Each structure stands twice: as C-alpha cells, then as structure tokens.
C-alpha cells in the first residue's frame, strides 16, 4: 500500500492536493478540517472537489492504478 501511495503521489502531486490524515492524531489540523468525512473503515480514500464536496470514496486497500483512474475522471 505504501508503495502505491508513493507512486500515486509522485504522479499527481502537481495536479491535485493530496492530504494524509492519521486517525490516531485527532488534534492534527488535517483531521480537524476533514473529520466530517469520518471513514467507515481504514484505509479510507476520499476525493473532494475544491469546495470540499465529496466526489468519490473507497474503503479498503487501493492500488496506484485505481487511485489514478479515479483521479483522472475528476481532473478533466
């Protein structure tokens, strides 16, 4: 999973804002900002538009290819 995230991030870091949230760090600014999107399981991947409107989500493991395919749908 970590390798997939690294691959995804290296491909999309200049095209999209990527935020990592550690659910064990509830006082972290990222957790506080996005806590209304509480995951139903871990890992949890969520795509938001610029207004923080949910576009898609995935609970469970996800590959770099799956993340890329979903991201590409929203970059167009």
PDB file of N, CA and C in Angstrom:
ATOM      1  N   UNK A   1       0.823  -1.198   0.000  1.00  0.00           N
ATOM      2  CA  UNK A   1       0.000   0.000   0.000  1.00  0.00           C
ATOM      3  C   UNK A   1       0.866   1.261   0.000  1.00  0.00           C
ATOM      4  N   UNK A   2       1.901   1.282   0.809  1.00  0.00           N
ATOM      5  CA  UNK A   2       2.761   2.470   0.866  1.00  0.00           C
ATOM      6  C   UNK A   2       3.412   2.745  -0.474  1.00  0.00           C
ATOM      7  N   UNK A   3       3.825   1.692  -1.171  1.00  0.00           N
ATOM      8  CA  UNK A   3       4.442   1.873  -2.491  1.00  0.00           C
ATOM      9  C   UNK A   3       3.437   2.451  -3.482  1.00  0.00           C
ATOM     10  N   UNK A   4       2.198   2.007  -3.412  1.00  0.00           N
ATOM     11  CA  UNK A   4       1.165   2.546  -4.296  1.00  0.00           C
ATOM     12  C   UNK A   4       0.924   4.022  -4.016  1.00  0.00           C
ATOM     13  N   UNK A   5       0.884   4.398  -2.730  1.00  0.00           N
ATOM     14  CA  UNK A   5       0.701   5.811  -2.386  1.00  0.00           C
ATOM     15  C   UNK A   5       1.855   6.648  -2.898  1.00  0.00           C
ATOM     16  N   UNK A   6       3.077   6.145  -2.735  1.00  0.00           N
ATOM     17  CA  UNK A   6       4.255   6.882  -3.201  1.00  0.00           C
ATOM     18  C   UNK A   6       4.210   7.065  -4.708  1.00  0.00           C
ATOM     19  N   UNK A   7       3.820   6.026  -5.426  1.00  0.00           N
ATOM     20  CA  UNK A   7       3.716   6.107  -6.887  1.00  0.00           C
ATOM     21  C   UNK A   7       2.627   7.105  -7.280  1.00  0.00           C
ATOM     22  N   UNK A   8       1.482   7.017  -6.633  1.00  0.00           N
ATOM     23  CA  UNK A   8       0.381   7.940  -6.925  1.00  0.00           C
ATOM     24  C   UNK A   8       0.805   9.375  -6.648  1.00  0.00           C
ATOM     25  N   UNK A   9       1.416   9.603  -5.501  1.00  0.00           N
ATOM     26  CA  UNK A   9       1.814  10.956  -5.129  1.00  0.00           C
ATOM     27  C   UNK A   9       2.833  11.525  -6.119  1.00  0.00           C
ATOM     28  N   UNK A  10       3.796  10.737  -6.532  1.00  0.00           N
ATOM     29  CA  UNK A  10       4.801  11.254  -7.454  1.00  0.00           C
ATOM     30  C   UNK A  10       4.187  11.625  -8.798  1.00  0.00           C
ATOM     31  N   UNK A  11       3.122  10.947  -9.190  1.00  0.00           N
ATOM     32  CA  UNK A  11       2.450  11.243 -10.456  1.00  0.00           C
ATOM     33  C   UNK A  11       1.519  12.440 -10.347  1.00  0.00           C
ATOM     34  N   UNK A  12       0.823  12.587  -9.228  1.00  0.00           N
ATOM     35  CA  UNK A  12      -0.253  13.581  -9.123  1.00  0.00           C
ATOM     36  C   UNK A  12       0.031  14.762  -8.200  1.00  0.00           C
ATOM     37  N   UNK A  13       1.188  14.845  -7.581  1.00  0.00           N
ATOM     38  CA  UNK A  13       1.432  15.901  -6.600  1.00  0.00           C
ATOM     39  C   UNK A  13       1.319  17.305  -7.184  1.00  0.00           C
ATOM     40  N   UNK A  14       1.531  17.475  -8.472  1.00  0.00           N
ATOM     41  CA  UNK A  14       1.411  18.801  -9.079  1.00  0.00           C
ATOM     42  C   UNK A  14       0.047  19.021  -9.732  1.00  0.00           C
ATOM     43  N   UNK A  15      -0.771  17.985  -9.780  1.00  0.00           N
ATOM     44  CA  UNK A  15      -2.084  18.078 -10.412  1.00  0.00           C
ATOM     45  C   UNK A  15      -3.222  18.170  -9.406  1.00  0.00           C
ATOM     46  N   UNK A  16      -2.975  17.689  -8.185  1.00  0.00           N
ATOM     47  CA  UNK A  16      -4.037  17.634  -7.177  1.00  0.00           C
ATOM     48  C   UNK A  16      -3.425  17.817  -5.792  1.00  0.00           C
ATOM     49  N   UNK A  17      -4.214  18.322  -4.884  1.00  0.00           N
ATOM     50  CA  UNK A  17      -3.773  18.425  -3.494  1.00  0.00           C
ATOM     51  C   UNK A  17      -3.996  17.070  -2.831  1.00  0.00           C
ATOM     52  N   UNK A  18      -2.947  16.534  -2.239  1.00  0.00           N
ATOM     53  CA  UNK A  18      -3.010  15.233  -1.587  1.00  0.00           C
ATOM     54  C   UNK A  18      -2.812  15.451  -0.090  1.00  0.00           C
ATOM     55  N   UNK A  19      -3.773  14.986   0.705  1.00  0.00           N
ATOM     56  CA  UNK A  19      -3.717  15.176   2.154  1.00  0.00           C
ATOM     57  C   UNK A  19      -3.772  13.805   2.816  1.00  0.00           C
ATOM     58  N   UNK A  20      -2.839  13.561   3.721  1.00  0.00           N
ATOM     59  CA  UNK A  20      -2.835  12.331   4.503  1.00  0.00           C
ATOM     60  C   UNK A  20      -3.363  12.658   5.894  1.00  0.00           C
ATOM     61  N   UNK A  21      -4.214  11.795   6.399  1.00  0.00           N
ATOM     62  CA  UNK A  21      -4.768  12.009   7.732  1.00  0.00           C
ATOM     63  C   UNK A  21      -4.546  10.746   8.553  1.00  0.00           C
ATOM     64  N   UNK A  22      -3.936  10.919   9.700  1.00  0.00           N
ATOM     65  CA  UNK A  22      -3.737   9.826  10.641  1.00  0.00           C
ATOM     66  C   UNK A  22      -4.866   9.905  11.658  1.00  0.00           C
ATOM     67  N   UNK A  23      -5.734   8.916  11.680  1.00  0.00           N
ATOM     68  CA  UNK A  23      -6.893   8.961  12.578  1.00  0.00           C
ATOM     69  C   UNK A  23      -6.511   8.864  14.045  1.00  0.00           C
ATOM     70  N   UNK A  24      -5.258   8.530  14.319  1.00  0.00           N
ATOM     71  CA  UNK A  24      -4.791   8.497  15.698  1.00  0.00           C
ATOM     72  C   UNK A  24      -4.331   9.868  16.182  1.00  0.00           C
ATOM     73  N   UNK A  25      -4.244  10.830  15.272  1.00  0.00           N
ATOM     74  CA  UNK A  25      -3.812  12.186  15.624  1.00  0.00           C
ATOM     75  C   UNK A  25      -4.988  13.149  15.445  1.00  0.00           C
ATOM     76  N   UNK A  26      -5.941  13.024  16.329  1.00  0.00           N
ATOM     77  CA  UNK A  26      -7.194  13.773  16.205  1.00  0.00           C
ATOM     78  C   UNK A  26      -7.054  15.277  16.401  1.00  0.00           C
ATOM     79  N   UNK A  27      -5.935  15.729  16.933  1.00  0.00           N
ATOM     80  CA  UNK A  27      -5.742  17.172  17.097  1.00  0.00           C
ATOM     81  C   UNK A  27      -4.988  17.782  15.911  1.00  0.00           C
ATOM     82  N   UNK A  28      -4.562  16.959  14.963  1.00  0.00           N
ATOM     83  CA  UNK A  28      -3.853  17.467  13.783  1.00  0.00           C
ATOM     84  C   UNK A  28      -4.790  18.336  12.956  1.00  0.00           C
ATOM     85  N   UNK A  29      -4.291  19.423  12.382  1.00  0.00           N
ATOM     86  CA  UNK A  29      -5.149  20.323  11.604  1.00  0.00           C
ATOM     87  C   UNK A  29      -5.908  19.614  10.478  1.00  0.00           C
ATOM     88  N   UNK A  30      -5.267  18.652   9.817  1.00  0.00           N
ATOM     89  CA  UNK A  30      -5.932  17.931   8.729  1.00  0.00           C
ATOM     90  C   UNK A  30      -7.106  17.109   9.249  1.00  0.00           C
ATOM     91  N   UNK A  31      -6.918  16.481  10.403  1.00  0.00           N
ATOM     92  CA  UNK A  31      -8.004  15.686  10.982  1.00  0.00           C
ATOM     93  C   UNK A  31      -9.173  16.592  11.343  1.00  0.00           C
ATOM     94  N   UNK A  32      -8.883  17.701  11.996  1.00  0.00           N
ATOM     95  CA  UNK A  32      -9.934  18.631  12.414  1.00  0.00           C
ATOM     96  C   UNK A  32     -10.700  19.146  11.197  1.00  0.00           C
ATOM     97  N   UNK A  33      -9.982  19.512  10.133  1.00  0.00           N
ATOM     98  CA  UNK A  33     -10.631  20.069   8.943  1.00  0.00           C
ATOM     99  C   UNK A  33     -11.542  19.059   8.261  1.00  0.00           C
ATOM    100  N   UNK A  34     -11.119  17.793   8.196  1.00  0.00           N
ATOM    101  CA  UNK A  34     -11.858  16.794   7.417  1.00  0.00           C
ATOM    102  C   UNK A  34     -12.592  15.764   8.267  1.00  0.00           C
ATOM    103  N   UNK A  35     -12.741  15.992   9.559  1.00  0.00           N
ATOM    104  CA  UNK A  35     -13.360  14.980  10.411  1.00  0.00           C
ATOM    105  C   UNK A  35     -14.819  14.691  10.052  1.00  0.00           C
ATOM    106  N   UNK A  36     -15.464  15.619   9.363  1.00  0.00           N
ATOM    107  CA  UNK A  36     -16.860  15.357   8.967  1.00  0.00           C
ATOM    108  C   UNK A  36     -16.961  14.239   7.933  1.00  0.00           C
ATOM    109  N   UNK A  37     -15.836  13.872   7.330  1.00  0.00           N
ATOM    110  CA  UNK A  37     -15.796  12.763   6.377  1.00  0.00           C
ATOM    111  C   UNK A  37     -15.249  11.511   7.052  1.00  0.00           C
ATOM    112  N   UNK A  38     -15.711  11.248   8.247  1.00  0.00           N
ATOM    113  CA  UNK A  38     -15.195  10.127   9.038  1.00  0.00           C
ATOM    114  C   UNK A  38     -15.253   8.828   8.232  1.00  0.00           C
ATOM    115  N   UNK A  39     -14.141   8.106   8.188  1.00  0.00           N
ATOM    116  CA  UNK A  39     -14.113   6.871   7.402  1.00  0.00           C
ATOM    117  C   UNK A  39     -14.955   5.771   8.021  1.00  0.00           C
ATOM    118  N   UNK A  40     -15.445   4.904   7.165  1.00  0.00           N
ATOM    119  CA  UNK A  40     -16.201   3.745   7.616  1.00  0.00           C
ATOM    120  C   UNK A  40     -15.258   2.580   7.899  1.00  0.00           C
ATOM    121  N   UNK A  41     -14.024   2.722   7.517  1.00  0.00           N
ATOM    122  CA  UNK A  41     -13.001   1.707   7.733  1.00  0.00           C
ATOM    123  C   UNK A  41     -11.647   2.316   7.406  1.00  0.00           C
ATOM    124  N   UNK A  42     -10.616   1.553   7.626  1.00  0.00           N
ATOM    125  CA  UNK A  42      -9.269   2.038   7.369  1.00  0.00           C
ATOM    126  C   UNK A  42      -8.558   0.962   6.557  1.00  0.00           C
ATOM    127  N   UNK A  43      -7.884   1.298   5.489  1.00  0.00           N
ATOM    128  CA  UNK A  43      -7.680   2.635   4.949  1.00  0.00           C
ATOM    129  C   UNK A  43      -8.929   3.164   4.246  1.00  0.00           C
ATOM    130  N   UNK A  44      -8.984   4.468   4.130  1.00  0.00           N
ATOM    131  CA  UNK A  44     -10.114   5.150   3.504  1.00  0.00           C
ATOM    132  C   UNK A  44      -9.558   6.237   2.592  1.00  0.00           C
ATOM    133  N   UNK A  45      -9.976   6.226   1.346  1.00  0.00           N
ATOM    134  CA  UNK A  45      -9.522   7.209   0.370  1.00  0.00           C
ATOM    135  C   UNK A  45     -10.727   8.014  -0.081  1.00  0.00           C
ATOM    136  N   UNK A  46     -10.584   9.332  -0.085  1.00  0.00           N
ATOM    137  CA  UNK A  46     -11.690  10.229  -0.396  1.00  0.00           C
ATOM    138  C   UNK A  46     -11.227  11.268  -1.395  1.00  0.00           C
ATOM    139  N   UNK A  47     -12.013  11.487  -2.424  1.00  0.00           N
ATOM    140  CA  UNK A  47     -11.750  12.533  -3.405  1.00  0.00           C
ATOM    141  C   UNK A  47     -12.741  13.661  -3.175  1.00  0.00           C
ATOM    142  N   UNK A  48     -12.218  14.882  -3.054  1.00  0.00           N
ATOM    143  CA  UNK A  48     -13.044  16.071  -2.837  1.00  0.00           C
ATOM    144  C   UNK A  48     -12.776  17.073  -3.948  1.00  0.00           C
ATOM    145  N   UNK A  49     -13.780  17.900  -4.256  1.00  0.00           N
ATOM    146  CA  UNK A  49     -13.526  18.993  -5.182  1.00  0.00           C
ATOM    147  C   UNK A  49     -12.946  20.172  -4.408  1.00  0.00           C
ATOM    148  N   UNK A  50     -12.729  21.276  -5.087  1.00  0.00           N
ATOM    149  CA  UNK A  50     -12.101  22.431  -4.436  1.00  0.00           C
ATOM    150  C   UNK A  50     -12.956  23.039  -3.326  1.00  0.00           C
ATOM    151  N   UNK A  51     -14.247  22.761  -3.356  1.00  0.00           N
ATOM    152  CA  UNK A  51     -15.150  23.264  -2.319  1.00  0.00           C
ATOM    153  C   UNK A  51     -15.382  22.208  -1.221  1.00  0.00           C
ATOM    154  N   UNK A  52     -14.545  21.179  -1.205  1.00  0.00           N
ATOM    155  CA  UNK A  52     -14.649  20.076  -0.236  1.00  0.00           C
ATOM    156  C   UNK A  52     -15.939  19.284  -0.367  1.00  0.00           C
ATOM    157  N   UNK A  53     -16.484  19.223  -1.562  1.00  0.00           N
ATOM    158  CA  UNK A  53     -17.651  18.383  -1.833  1.00  0.00           C
ATOM    159  C   UNK A  53     -17.138  16.992  -2.227  1.00  0.00           C
ATOM    160  N   UNK A  54     -17.617  15.934  -1.568  1.00  0.00           N
ATOM    161  CA  UNK A  54     -17.155  14.583  -1.907  1.00  0.00           C
ATOM    162  C   UNK A  54     -17.500  14.206  -3.350  1.00  0.00           C
ATOM    163  N   UNK A  55     -16.527  13.641  -4.037  1.00  0.00           N
ATOM    164  CA  UNK A  55     -16.717  13.182  -5.412  1.00  0.00           C
ATOM    165  C   UNK A  55     -16.733  11.660  -5.493  1.00  0.00           C
ATOM    166  N   UNK A  56     -15.901  11.015  -4.694  1.00  0.00           N
ATOM    167  CA  UNK A  56     -15.817   9.553  -4.679  1.00  0.00           C
ATOM    168  C   UNK A  56     -15.095   9.144  -3.404  1.00  0.00           C
ATOM    169  N   UNK A  57     -15.270   7.885  -3.031  1.00  0.00           N
ATOM    170  CA  UNK A  57     -14.530   7.362  -1.893  1.00  0.00           C
ATOM    171  C   UNK A  57     -14.322   5.871  -2.059  1.00  0.00           C
ATOM    172  N   UNK A  58     -13.392   5.345  -1.280  1.00  0.00           N
ATOM    173  CA  UNK A  58     -13.077   3.921  -1.320  1.00  0.00           C
ATOM    174  C   UNK A  58     -12.602   3.507   0.059  1.00  0.00           C
ATOM    175  N   UNK A  59     -13.235   2.500   0.617  1.00  0.00           N
ATOM    176  CA  UNK A  59     -12.800   1.925   1.883  1.00  0.00           C
ATOM    177  C   UNK A  59     -12.034   0.645   1.559  1.00  0.00           C
ATOM    178  N   UNK A  60     -10.872   0.519   2.144  1.00  0.00           N
ATOM    179  CA  UNK A  60     -10.050  -0.660   1.901  1.00  0.00           C
ATOM    180  C   UNK A  60      -8.847  -0.318   1.047  1.00  0.00           C
ATOM    181  N   UNK A  61      -8.045  -1.318   0.810  1.00  0.00           N
ATOM    182  CA  UNK A  61      -6.823  -1.130   0.038  1.00  0.00           C
ATOM    183  C   UNK A  61      -7.159  -0.678  -1.386  1.00  0.00           C
ATOM    184  N   UNK A  62      -6.265   0.122  -1.940  1.00  0.00           N
ATOM    185  CA  UNK A  62      -6.449   0.639  -3.290  1.00  0.00           C
ATOM    186  C   UNK A  62      -5.077   0.735  -3.954  1.00  0.00           C
ATOM    187  N   UNK A  63      -5.022   0.398  -5.215  1.00  0.00           N
ATOM    188  CA  UNK A  63      -3.747   0.439  -5.929  1.00  0.00           C
ATOM    189  C   UNK A  63      -3.515   1.825  -6.519  1.00  0.00           C
ATOM    190  N   UNK A  64      -2.276   2.071  -6.908  1.00  0.00           N
ATOM    191  CA  UNK A  64      -1.938   3.343  -7.558  1.00  0.00           C
ATOM    192  C   UNK A  64      -2.746   3.495  -8.844  1.00  0.00           C
ATOM    193  N   UNK A  65      -2.938   2.409  -9.564  1.00  0.00           N
ATOM    194  CA  UNK A  65      -3.715   2.467 -10.811  1.00  0.00           C
ATOM    195  C   UNK A  65      -5.161   2.864 -10.536  1.00  0.00           C
ATOM    196  N   UNK A  66      -5.766   2.292  -9.506  1.00  0.00           N
ATOM    197  CA  UNK A  66      -7.145   2.640  -9.152  1.00  0.00           C
ATOM    198  C   UNK A  66      -7.251   4.099  -8.722  1.00  0.00           C
ATOM    199  N   UNK A  67      -6.292   4.555  -7.911  1.00  0.00           N
ATOM    200  CA  UNK A  67      -6.299   5.957  -7.488  1.00  0.00           C
ATOM    201  C   UNK A  67      -6.143   6.872  -8.697  1.00  0.00           C
ATOM    202  N   UNK A  68      -5.261   6.500  -9.618  1.00  0.00           N
ATOM    203  CA  UNK A  68      -5.046   7.297 -10.811  1.00  0.00           C
ATOM    204  C   UNK A  68      -6.273   7.363 -11.696  1.00  0.00           C
ATOM    205  N   UNK A  69      -6.931   6.220 -11.913  1.00  0.00           N
ATOM    206  CA  UNK A  69      -8.140   6.200 -12.736  1.00  0.00           C
ATOM    207  C   UNK A  69      -9.231   7.092 -12.148  1.00  0.00           C
ATOM    208  N   UNK A  70      -9.438   6.999 -10.858  1.00  0.00           N
ATOM    209  CA  UNK A  70     -10.465   7.819 -10.219  1.00  0.00           C
ATOM    210  C   UNK A  70     -10.088   9.299 -10.289  1.00  0.00           C
ATOM    211  N   UNK A  71      -8.843   9.612 -10.009  1.00  0.00           N
ATOM    212  CA  UNK A  71      -8.384  10.989 -10.046  1.00  0.00           C
ATOM    213  C   UNK A  71      -8.524  11.583 -11.443  1.00  0.00           C
ATOM    214  N   UNK A  72      -8.148  10.829 -12.443  1.00  0.00           N
ATOM    215  CA  UNK A  72      -8.239  11.320 -13.828  1.00  0.00           C
ATOM    216  C   UNK A  72      -9.662  11.696 -14.214  1.00  0.00           C
ATOM    217  N   UNK A  73     -10.637  10.964 -13.709  1.00  0.00           N
ATOM    218  CA  UNK A  73     -12.042  11.307 -14.010  1.00  0.00           C
ATOM    219  C   UNK A  73     -12.379  12.713 -13.570  1.00  0.00           C
ATOM    220  N   UNK A  74     -11.783  13.164 -12.467  1.00  0.00           N
ATOM    221  CA  UNK A  74     -12.138  14.474 -11.904  1.00  0.00           C
ATOM    222  C   UNK A  74     -11.212  15.596 -12.355  1.00  0.00           C
ATOM    223  N   UNK A  75     -10.112  15.265 -12.986  1.00  0.00           N
ATOM    224  CA  UNK A  75      -9.204  16.298 -13.477  1.00  0.00           C
ATOM    225  C   UNK A  75      -9.622  16.845 -14.828  1.00  0.00           C
ATOM    226  N   UNK A  76     -10.544  16.197 -15.478  1.00  0.00           N
ATOM    227  CA  UNK A  76     -10.982  16.632 -16.817  1.00  0.00           C
ATOM    228  C   UNK A  76     -12.002  17.736 -16.744  1.00  0.00           C
TER     229      UNK A  76
END
